[in-house]
């Protein structure tokens, strides 16, 4: 939906503004009632949550689109984020980075790199600036994930903190530089982005993600983020008319297997040994 908006009538900055004016307005009463959770997060944790699920992360990803294509963003950001989460979780949360999780992360990163390579990436080009920005967005997301898990903060509270802080900080800056340009966009386009970006992505998705992290742990939960390229590719066929290449399909398959492995799915060897032990 973001790519649809960018290729029709909006800028990435417009979409970011719509996202946080909607989600921030919806979640402001929740923040007023629950507070900033400083006693659980601390200032560093609060900053990590706001940066990782708020405007800084979105702006890093959007700025990367000025240098590299959307296919690279869809692979590098969600593809490398689980690896970053796994490393931070091992260092900060003392979560075990088991051989199975390492193997799954290798598959996810390999699939992400295959998508980038298949989309025409090159070393030493301006695209690498975009790649660095996408990876920075992934690192911000990883910091948010670990901070939320460490403080045992529920997903709605984390989403509310990121949305309200972003509305308060980003919107005045956007209004100063962009003025009222977003109001020249067709109302139907604004309504679509408001529903998808502001409500579904800015509230519902973060709520479900936070709940998943509390159940599965930081590393296993974050692995499902790597399914984004696959879901994007499938939705892009009917909505954007973009048919993935054979390389993309292969990479999507590798990433999906990697997510299954990192999230703790039973491996054939382990299942075989289990049954052999019973026999």
C-alpha atoms as a PDB file:
ATOM      1  CA  UNK A   1       0.000   0.000   0.000  1.00  0.00           C
ATOM      2  CA  UNK A   2       2.896   2.365   0.689  1.00  0.00           C
ATOM      3  CA  UNK A   3       4.357   1.680  -2.750  1.00  0.00           C
ATOM      4  CA  UNK A   4       0.944   2.204  -4.313  1.00  0.00           C
ATOM      5  CA  UNK A   5       0.699   5.606  -2.642  1.00  0.00           C
ATOM      6  CA  UNK A   6       4.229   6.627  -3.613  1.00  0.00           C
ATOM      7  CA  UNK A   7       3.739   5.636  -7.252  1.00  0.00           C
ATOM      8  CA  UNK A   8       0.424   7.481  -7.582  1.00  0.00           C
ATOM      9  CA  UNK A   9      -0.111  10.683  -5.643  1.00  0.00           C
ATOM     10  CA  UNK A  10       1.975  10.863  -2.452  1.00  0.00           C
ATOM     11  CA  UNK A  11       5.487  11.224  -1.128  1.00  0.00           C
ATOM     12  CA  UNK A  12       6.961   8.953   1.562  1.00  0.00           C
ATOM     13  CA  UNK A  13       6.760  11.911   3.952  1.00  0.00           C
ATOM     14  CA  UNK A  14       3.012  12.298   3.289  1.00  0.00           C
ATOM     15  CA  UNK A  15       2.405   8.637   4.083  1.00  0.00           C
ATOM     16  CA  UNK A  16       4.426   8.903   7.306  1.00  0.00           C
ATOM     17  CA  UNK A  17       2.383  11.921   8.383  1.00  0.00           C
ATOM     18  CA  UNK A  18      -0.916  10.160   7.671  1.00  0.00           C
ATOM     19  CA  UNK A  19       0.252   7.097   9.567  1.00  0.00           C
ATOM     20  CA  UNK A  20       1.065   8.926  12.770  1.00  0.00           C
ATOM     21  CA  UNK A  21      -1.728  11.488  12.783  1.00  0.00           C
ATOM     22  CA  UNK A  22      -4.179   8.566  12.675  1.00  0.00           C
ATOM     23  CA  UNK A  23      -2.421   6.126  15.018  1.00  0.00           C
ATOM     24  CA  UNK A  24      -1.314   8.918  17.375  1.00  0.00           C
ATOM     25  CA  UNK A  25      -4.835  10.291  17.667  1.00  0.00           C
ATOM     26  CA  UNK A  26      -6.330   6.841  18.241  1.00  0.00           C
ATOM     27  CA  UNK A  27      -3.782   5.870  20.893  1.00  0.00           C
ATOM     28  CA  UNK A  28      -3.390   9.201  22.716  1.00  0.00           C
ATOM     29  CA  UNK A  29      -6.095   8.332  25.314  1.00  0.00           C
ATOM     30  CA  UNK A  30      -4.268   5.066  26.048  1.00  0.00           C
ATOM     31  CA  UNK A  31      -0.977   6.884  26.732  1.00  0.00           C
ATOM     32  CA  UNK A  32      -2.742   9.414  28.942  1.00  0.00           C
ATOM     33  CA  UNK A  33      -4.213   6.558  30.943  1.00  0.00           C
ATOM     34  CA  UNK A  34      -1.174   4.233  31.088  1.00  0.00           C
ATOM     35  CA  UNK A  35       1.642   6.781  31.148  1.00  0.00           C
ATOM     36  CA  UNK A  36       5.167   6.571  29.690  1.00  0.00           C
ATOM     37  CA  UNK A  37       6.192   3.407  31.584  1.00  0.00           C
ATOM     38  CA  UNK A  38       9.494   5.028  32.556  1.00  0.00           C
ATOM     39  CA  UNK A  39       9.698   2.925  35.697  1.00  0.00           C
ATOM     40  CA  UNK A  40       9.896  -0.167  33.482  1.00  0.00           C
ATOM     41  CA  UNK A  41      11.639   1.144  30.376  1.00  0.00           C
ATOM     42  CA  UNK A  42      13.931   3.880  31.608  1.00  0.00           C
ATOM     43  CA  UNK A  43      14.855   6.708  29.263  1.00  0.00           C
ATOM     44  CA  UNK A  44      17.014   4.472  27.066  1.00  0.00           C
ATOM     45  CA  UNK A  45      14.240   1.911  26.731  1.00  0.00           C
ATOM     46  CA  UNK A  46      11.626   4.578  25.998  1.00  0.00           C
ATOM     47  CA  UNK A  47      13.872   6.099  23.336  1.00  0.00           C
ATOM     48  CA  UNK A  48      14.386   2.649  21.795  1.00  0.00           C
ATOM     49  CA  UNK A  49      10.635   2.006  21.631  1.00  0.00           C
ATOM     50  CA  UNK A  50       9.866   5.405  20.092  1.00  0.00           C
ATOM     51  CA  UNK A  51      12.725   5.166  17.590  1.00  0.00           C
ATOM     52  CA  UNK A  52      12.004   1.570  16.635  1.00  0.00           C
ATOM     53  CA  UNK A  53       8.245   1.647  16.084  1.00  0.00           C
ATOM     54  CA  UNK A  54       7.783   5.366  15.490  1.00  0.00           C
ATOM     55  CA  UNK A  55       8.737   8.001  12.942  1.00  0.00           C
ATOM     56  CA  UNK A  56      12.558   7.521  13.066  1.00  0.00           C
ATOM     57  CA  UNK A  57      12.310   3.927  11.823  1.00  0.00           C
ATOM     58  CA  UNK A  58       9.729   4.803   9.167  1.00  0.00           C
ATOM     59  CA  UNK A  59      11.755   7.788   7.956  1.00  0.00           C
ATOM     60  CA  UNK A  60      14.957   5.726   7.719  1.00  0.00           C
ATOM     61  CA  UNK A  61      13.170   3.176   5.553  1.00  0.00           C
ATOM     62  CA  UNK A  62      11.483   5.872   3.429  1.00  0.00           C
ATOM     63  CA  UNK A  63      14.734   7.793   2.971  1.00  0.00           C
ATOM     64  CA  UNK A  64      16.357   4.593   1.741  1.00  0.00           C
ATOM     65  CA  UNK A  65      13.767   4.455  -1.047  1.00  0.00           C
ATOM     66  CA  UNK A  66      15.311   7.627  -2.478  1.00  0.00           C
ATOM     67  CA  UNK A  67      18.459   5.638  -3.287  1.00  0.00           C
ATOM     68  CA  UNK A  68      17.411   2.010  -3.700  1.00  0.00           C
ATOM     69  CA  UNK A  69      14.284   0.275  -5.054  1.00  0.00           C
ATOM     70  CA  UNK A  70      11.443  -1.011  -2.923  1.00  0.00           C
ATOM     71  CA  UNK A  71      12.489  -4.636  -3.509  1.00  0.00           C
ATOM     72  CA  UNK A  72      15.711  -3.941  -1.630  1.00  0.00           C
ATOM     73  CA  UNK A  73      13.803  -2.344   1.239  1.00  0.00           C
ATOM     74  CA  UNK A  74      11.401  -5.278   1.445  1.00  0.00           C
ATOM     75  CA  UNK A  75      14.332  -7.696   1.692  1.00  0.00           C
ATOM     76  CA  UNK A  76      16.951  -5.895   3.783  1.00  0.00           C
ATOM     77  CA  UNK A  77      14.772  -4.346   6.489  1.00  0.00           C
ATOM     78  CA  UNK A  78      12.659  -7.365   7.513  1.00  0.00           C
ATOM     79  CA  UNK A  79      15.284  -9.831   6.300  1.00  0.00           C
ATOM     80  CA  UNK A  80      18.093  -8.673   8.563  1.00  0.00           C
ATOM     81  CA  UNK A  81      15.985  -7.498  11.525  1.00  0.00           C
ATOM     82  CA  UNK A  82      15.625 -11.033  13.002  1.00  0.00           C
ATOM     83  CA  UNK A  83      19.406 -11.448  12.963  1.00  0.00           C
ATOM     84  CA  UNK A  84      19.861  -8.100  14.727  1.00  0.00           C
ATOM     85  CA  UNK A  85      17.181  -9.040  17.269  1.00  0.00           C
ATOM     86  CA  UNK A  86      18.846 -12.401  17.894  1.00  0.00           C
ATOM     87  CA  UNK A  87      22.226 -10.765  18.551  1.00  0.00           C
ATOM     88  CA  UNK A  88      20.786  -8.071  20.847  1.00  0.00           C
ATOM     89  CA  UNK A  89      18.582 -10.577  22.661  1.00  0.00           C
ATOM     90  CA  UNK A  90      21.578 -12.815  23.305  1.00  0.00           C
ATOM     91  CA  UNK A  91      23.634  -9.889  24.623  1.00  0.00           C
ATOM     92  CA  UNK A  92      20.947  -8.082  26.639  1.00  0.00           C
ATOM     93  CA  UNK A  93      18.230 -10.619  27.432  1.00  0.00           C
ATOM     94  CA  UNK A  94      20.581 -13.622  27.605  1.00  0.00           C
ATOM     95  CA  UNK A  95      18.329 -15.531  25.205  1.00  0.00           C
ATOM     96  CA  UNK A  96      20.056 -18.637  23.894  1.00  0.00           C
ATOM     97  CA  UNK A  97      21.276 -18.223  20.312  1.00  0.00           C
ATOM     98  CA  UNK A  98      21.032 -21.930  19.566  1.00  0.00           C
ATOM     99  CA  UNK A  99      22.524 -23.656  16.494  1.00  0.00           C
ATOM    100  CA  UNK A 100      18.978 -24.002  15.111  1.00  0.00           C
ATOM    101  CA  UNK A 101      18.370 -20.262  15.431  1.00  0.00           C
ATOM    102  CA  UNK A 102      21.759 -19.502  13.854  1.00  0.00           C
ATOM    103  CA  UNK A 103      20.959 -21.794  10.934  1.00  0.00           C
ATOM    104  CA  UNK A 104      17.565 -20.157  10.471  1.00  0.00           C
ATOM    105  CA  UNK A 105      19.088 -16.669  10.529  1.00  0.00           C
ATOM    106  CA  UNK A 106      21.615 -17.726   7.884  1.00  0.00           C
ATOM    107  CA  UNK A 107      18.754 -18.896   5.648  1.00  0.00           C
ATOM    108  CA  UNK A 108      16.822 -15.644   6.166  1.00  0.00           C
ATOM    109  CA  UNK A 109      19.835 -13.442   5.417  1.00  0.00           C
ATOM    110  CA  UNK A 110      20.747 -15.576   2.373  1.00  0.00           C
ATOM    111  CA  UNK A 111      17.244 -15.218   0.978  1.00  0.00           C
ATOM    112  CA  UNK A 112      17.230 -11.460   1.589  1.00  0.00           C
ATOM    113  CA  UNK A 113      20.575 -11.059  -0.180  1.00  0.00           C
ATOM    114  CA  UNK A 114      19.276 -13.133  -3.101  1.00  0.00           C
ATOM    115  CA  UNK A 115      16.338 -10.737  -3.537  1.00  0.00           C
ATOM    116  CA  UNK A 116      18.660  -7.725  -3.454  1.00  0.00           C
ATOM    117  CA  UNK A 117      21.088  -9.325  -5.894  1.00  0.00           C
ATOM    118  CA  UNK A 118      18.295 -10.347  -8.241  1.00  0.00           C
ATOM    119  CA  UNK A 119      16.961  -6.780  -8.229  1.00  0.00           C
ATOM    120  CA  UNK A 120      20.242  -5.452  -9.616  1.00  0.00           C
ATOM    121  CA  UNK A 121      22.179  -4.328  -6.577  1.00  0.00           C
ATOM    122  CA  UNK A 122      25.794  -3.276  -7.111  1.00  0.00           C
ATOM    123  CA  UNK A 123      28.703  -2.470  -4.820  1.00  0.00           C
ATOM    124  CA  UNK A 124      29.961   1.112  -4.660  1.00  0.00           C
ATOM    125  CA  UNK A 125      26.821   2.678  -6.123  1.00  0.00           C
ATOM    126  CA  UNK A 126      24.389   5.189  -4.571  1.00  0.00           C
ATOM    127  CA  UNK A 127      22.124   2.205  -3.887  1.00  0.00           C
ATOM    128  CA  UNK A 128      24.433   1.268  -1.030  1.00  0.00           C
ATOM    129  CA  UNK A 129      23.334   4.431   0.813  1.00  0.00           C
ATOM    130  CA  UNK A 130      19.788   3.130   0.651  1.00  0.00           C
ATOM    131  CA  UNK A 131      20.949  -0.294   1.829  1.00  0.00           C
ATOM    132  CA  UNK A 132      22.634   1.281   4.854  1.00  0.00           C
ATOM    133  CA  UNK A 133      19.453   3.195   5.679  1.00  0.00           C
ATOM    134  CA  UNK A 134      17.333   0.036   5.391  1.00  0.00           C
ATOM    135  CA  UNK A 135      19.700  -1.804   7.736  1.00  0.00           C
ATOM    136  CA  UNK A 136      19.585   1.150  10.145  1.00  0.00           C
ATOM    137  CA  UNK A 137      15.791   0.903  10.157  1.00  0.00           C
ATOM    138  CA  UNK A 138      16.125  -2.802  10.944  1.00  0.00           C
ATOM    139  CA  UNK A 139      18.506  -2.038  13.815  1.00  0.00           C
ATOM    140  CA  UNK A 140      16.049   0.503  15.228  1.00  0.00           C
ATOM    141  CA  UNK A 141      13.296  -2.124  15.033  1.00  0.00           C
ATOM    142  CA  UNK A 142      15.540  -4.635  16.822  1.00  0.00           C
ATOM    143  CA  UNK A 143      16.221  -2.162  19.648  1.00  0.00           C
ATOM    144  CA  UNK A 144      12.472  -1.597  20.019  1.00  0.00           C
ATOM    145  CA  UNK A 145      11.793  -5.343  20.116  1.00  0.00           C
ATOM    146  CA  UNK A 146      14.411  -6.043  22.781  1.00  0.00           C
ATOM    147  CA  UNK A 147      13.417  -3.013  24.898  1.00  0.00           C
ATOM    148  CA  UNK A 148       9.753  -4.046  24.807  1.00  0.00           C
ATOM    149  CA  UNK A 149      10.612  -7.636  25.744  1.00  0.00           C
ATOM    150  CA  UNK A 150      12.968  -6.587  28.539  1.00  0.00           C
ATOM    151  CA  UNK A 151      10.379  -4.271  30.119  1.00  0.00           C
ATOM    152  CA  UNK A 152       7.563  -6.786  29.520  1.00  0.00           C
ATOM    153  CA  UNK A 153       5.599  -4.015  27.875  1.00  0.00           C
ATOM    154  CA  UNK A 154       2.411  -5.012  26.095  1.00  0.00           C
ATOM    155  CA  UNK A 155       2.204  -4.409  22.367  1.00  0.00           C
ATOM    156  CA  UNK A 156      -0.553  -1.801  22.513  1.00  0.00           C
ATOM    157  CA  UNK A 157       1.333   0.283  25.073  1.00  0.00           C
ATOM    158  CA  UNK A 158       4.518   0.179  22.973  1.00  0.00           C
ATOM    159  CA  UNK A 159       2.593   1.100  19.814  1.00  0.00           C
ATOM    160  CA  UNK A 160       0.889   3.953  21.663  1.00  0.00           C
ATOM    161  CA  UNK A 161       4.182   5.398  22.927  1.00  0.00           C
ATOM    162  CA  UNK A 162       5.728   5.300  19.453  1.00  0.00           C
ATOM    163  CA  UNK A 163       2.679   6.753  17.717  1.00  0.00           C
ATOM    164  CA  UNK A 164       1.967   9.584  20.153  1.00  0.00           C
ATOM    165  CA  UNK A 165       5.619  10.655  20.413  1.00  0.00           C
ATOM    166  CA  UNK A 166       5.924  10.595  16.615  1.00  0.00           C
ATOM    167  CA  UNK A 167       2.747  12.634  16.208  1.00  0.00           C
ATOM    168  CA  UNK A 168       4.072  15.236  18.634  1.00  0.00           C
ATOM    169  CA  UNK A 169       7.577  15.439  17.130  1.00  0.00           C
ATOM    170  CA  UNK A 170       7.234  14.615  13.433  1.00  0.00           C
ATOM    171  CA  UNK A 171       3.995  16.351  12.462  1.00  0.00           C
ATOM    172  CA  UNK A 172       5.150  19.922  13.303  1.00  0.00           C
ATOM    173  CA  UNK A 173       8.337  19.365  11.276  1.00  0.00           C
ATOM    174  CA  UNK A 174       6.340  17.907   8.385  1.00  0.00           C
ATOM    175  CA  UNK A 175       3.841  20.784   8.458  1.00  0.00           C
ATOM    176  CA  UNK A 176       6.667  23.342   8.394  1.00  0.00           C
ATOM    177  CA  UNK A 177       8.397  21.856   5.336  1.00  0.00           C
ATOM    178  CA  UNK A 178       5.479  20.332   3.407  1.00  0.00           C
ATOM    179  CA  UNK A 179       2.738  22.777   4.318  1.00  0.00           C
ATOM    180  CA  UNK A 180      -0.665  21.619   3.162  1.00  0.00           C
ATOM    181  CA  UNK A 181       0.520  19.599   0.152  1.00  0.00           C
ATOM    182  CA  UNK A 182      -1.126  16.408   1.418  1.00  0.00           C
ATOM    183  CA  UNK A 183      -4.547  18.041   1.086  1.00  0.00           C
ATOM    184  CA  UNK A 184      -4.083  18.185  -2.685  1.00  0.00           C
ATOM    185  CA  UNK A 185      -4.073  14.377  -2.744  1.00  0.00           C
ATOM    186  CA  UNK A 186      -7.377  12.679  -3.694  1.00  0.00           C
ATOM    187  CA  UNK A 187      -9.483  11.981  -0.618  1.00  0.00           C
ATOM    188  CA  UNK A 188      -9.828   8.301  -1.520  1.00  0.00           C
ATOM    189  CA  UNK A 189      -6.019   7.899  -1.515  1.00  0.00           C
ATOM    190  CA  UNK A 190      -5.759   9.575   1.885  1.00  0.00           C
ATOM    191  CA  UNK A 191      -8.534   7.356   3.296  1.00  0.00           C
ATOM    192  CA  UNK A 192      -6.821   4.204   2.013  1.00  0.00           C
ATOM    193  CA  UNK A 193      -3.475   5.098   3.588  1.00  0.00           C
ATOM    194  CA  UNK A 194      -5.191   6.186   6.795  1.00  0.00           C
ATOM    195  CA  UNK A 195      -6.825   2.770   7.159  1.00  0.00           C
ATOM    196  CA  UNK A 196      -3.814   0.682   6.128  1.00  0.00           C
ATOM    197  CA  UNK A 197      -0.933   2.744   7.517  1.00  0.00           C
ATOM    198  CA  UNK A 198      -2.607   4.510  10.403  1.00  0.00           C
ATOM    199  CA  UNK A 199      -4.843   1.758  11.766  1.00  0.00           C
ATOM    200  CA  UNK A 200      -3.755  -1.652  10.448  1.00  0.00           C
ATOM    201  CA  UNK A 201       0.021  -1.038  10.408  1.00  0.00           C
ATOM    202  CA  UNK A 202       0.303   1.612  13.115  1.00  0.00           C
ATOM    203  CA  UNK A 203      -2.011  -0.039  15.655  1.00  0.00           C
ATOM    204  CA  UNK A 204      -3.165  -3.574  14.840  1.00  0.00           C
ATOM    205  CA  UNK A 205       0.123  -4.935  13.469  1.00  0.00           C
ATOM    206  CA  UNK A 206       2.183  -3.533  16.346  1.00  0.00           C
ATOM    207  CA  UNK A 207      -0.335  -4.847  18.879  1.00  0.00           C
ATOM    208  CA  UNK A 208      -0.133  -8.349  17.402  1.00  0.00           C
ATOM    209  CA  UNK A 209       3.653  -8.163  17.083  1.00  0.00           C
ATOM    210  CA  UNK A 210       4.028  -7.206  20.729  1.00  0.00           C
ATOM    211  CA  UNK A 211       1.766 -10.055  21.776  1.00  0.00           C
ATOM    212  CA  UNK A 212       3.772 -12.479  19.638  1.00  0.00           C
ATOM    213  CA  UNK A 213       7.052 -11.336  21.232  1.00  0.00           C
ATOM    214  CA  UNK A 214       5.631 -11.889  24.716  1.00  0.00           C
ATOM    215  CA  UNK A 215       4.623 -15.446  23.786  1.00  0.00           C
ATOM    216  CA  UNK A 216       7.532 -16.626  21.602  1.00  0.00           C
ATOM    217  CA  UNK A 217      10.418 -14.478  22.834  1.00  0.00           C
ATOM    218  CA  UNK A 218      12.327 -11.754  21.027  1.00  0.00           C
ATOM    219  CA  UNK A 219      14.282 -13.902  18.564  1.00  0.00           C
ATOM    220  CA  UNK A 220      11.605 -16.424  17.580  1.00  0.00           C
ATOM    221  CA  UNK A 221       8.882 -13.772  17.371  1.00  0.00           C
ATOM    222  CA  UNK A 222      10.941 -11.373  15.280  1.00  0.00           C
ATOM    223  CA  UNK A 223      11.674 -14.135  12.772  1.00  0.00           C
ATOM    224  CA  UNK A 224       8.131 -13.829  11.428  1.00  0.00           C
ATOM    225  CA  UNK A 225       8.965 -10.292  10.303  1.00  0.00           C
ATOM    226  CA  UNK A 226      11.077 -11.917   7.599  1.00  0.00           C
ATOM    227  CA  UNK A 227       7.893 -13.197   5.935  1.00  0.00           C
ATOM    228  CA  UNK A 228       7.234  -9.612   4.819  1.00  0.00           C
ATOM    229  CA  UNK A 229       8.990 -10.046   1.429  1.00  0.00           C
ATOM    230  CA  UNK A 230       6.900 -13.135   0.705  1.00  0.00           C
ATOM    231  CA  UNK A 231       3.618 -11.470   1.673  1.00  0.00           C
ATOM    232  CA  UNK A 232       4.585  -8.318  -0.229  1.00  0.00           C
ATOM    233  CA  UNK A 233       5.386 -10.328  -3.355  1.00  0.00           C
ATOM    234  CA  UNK A 234       2.086 -12.205  -3.213  1.00  0.00           C
ATOM    235  CA  UNK A 235       0.008  -9.047  -2.624  1.00  0.00           C
ATOM    236  CA  UNK A 236       1.960  -7.182  -5.309  1.00  0.00           C
ATOM    237  CA  UNK A 237       0.686  -9.545  -8.022  1.00  0.00           C
ATOM    238  CA  UNK A 238      -3.012  -8.489  -7.947  1.00  0.00           C
ATOM    239  CA  UNK A 239      -2.533  -4.956  -6.562  1.00  0.00           C
ATOM    240  CA  UNK A 240       0.551  -3.686  -8.415  1.00  0.00           C
ATOM    241  CA  UNK A 241       0.727  -6.168 -11.279  1.00  0.00           C
ATOM    242  CA  UNK A 242       4.313  -7.049 -10.293  1.00  0.00           C
ATOM    243  CA  UNK A 243       5.153 -10.713 -10.885  1.00  0.00           C
ATOM    244  CA  UNK A 244       8.168 -11.964  -8.890  1.00  0.00           C
ATOM    245  CA  UNK A 245      11.070 -13.438 -10.833  1.00  0.00           C
ATOM    246  CA  UNK A 246      12.200 -17.059 -10.417  1.00  0.00           C
ATOM    247  CA  UNK A 247      15.049 -15.772  -8.219  1.00  0.00           C
ATOM    248  CA  UNK A 248      12.546 -13.958  -6.014  1.00  0.00           C
ATOM    249  CA  UNK A 249      10.417 -17.081  -5.616  1.00  0.00           C
ATOM    250  CA  UNK A 250      13.489 -19.102  -4.671  1.00  0.00           C
ATOM    251  CA  UNK A 251      14.556 -16.469  -2.143  1.00  0.00           C
ATOM    252  CA  UNK A 252      11.040 -16.288  -0.684  1.00  0.00           C
ATOM    253  CA  UNK A 253      11.104 -20.049  -0.186  1.00  0.00           C
ATOM    254  CA  UNK A 254      14.485 -19.878   1.579  1.00  0.00           C
ATOM    255  CA  UNK A 255      13.290 -17.050   3.839  1.00  0.00           C
ATOM    256  CA  UNK A 256      10.112 -18.933   4.718  1.00  0.00           C
ATOM    257  CA  UNK A 257      12.126 -22.015   5.711  1.00  0.00           C
ATOM    258  CA  UNK A 258      14.441 -19.789   7.761  1.00  0.00           C
ATOM    259  CA  UNK A 259      11.487 -18.291   9.642  1.00  0.00           C
ATOM    260  CA  UNK A 260      10.161 -21.768  10.368  1.00  0.00           C
ATOM    261  CA  UNK A 261      13.539 -22.862  11.727  1.00  0.00           C
ATOM    262  CA  UNK A 262      14.177 -19.766  13.881  1.00  0.00           C
ATOM    263  CA  UNK A 263      10.678 -19.856  15.341  1.00  0.00           C
ATOM    264  CA  UNK A 264      11.332 -23.332  16.732  1.00  0.00           C
ATOM    265  CA  UNK A 265       9.674 -25.569  14.172  1.00  0.00           C
ATOM    266  CA  UNK A 266      10.740 -29.224  14.444  1.00  0.00           C
ATOM    267  CA  UNK A 267      13.469 -30.233  12.021  1.00  0.00           C
ATOM    268  CA  UNK A 268      13.300 -33.574  10.128  1.00  0.00           C
ATOM    269  CA  UNK A 269      16.478 -34.853  11.821  1.00  0.00           C
ATOM    270  CA  UNK A 270      15.148 -33.974  15.270  1.00  0.00           C
ATOM    271  CA  UNK A 271      11.778 -35.604  14.559  1.00  0.00           C
ATOM    272  CA  UNK A 272      13.526 -38.726  13.241  1.00  0.00           C
ATOM    273  CA  UNK A 273      15.713 -38.979  16.357  1.00  0.00           C
ATOM    274  CA  UNK A 274      12.682 -38.504  18.595  1.00  0.00           C
ATOM    275  CA  UNK A 275      10.801 -41.360  16.918  1.00  0.00           C
ATOM    276  CA  UNK A 276      13.931 -43.515  16.837  1.00  0.00           C
ATOM    277  CA  UNK A 277      14.344 -43.007  20.577  1.00  0.00           C
ATOM    278  CA  UNK A 278      10.780 -44.155  21.178  1.00  0.00           C
ATOM    279  CA  UNK A 279      11.367 -47.259  19.092  1.00  0.00           C
END
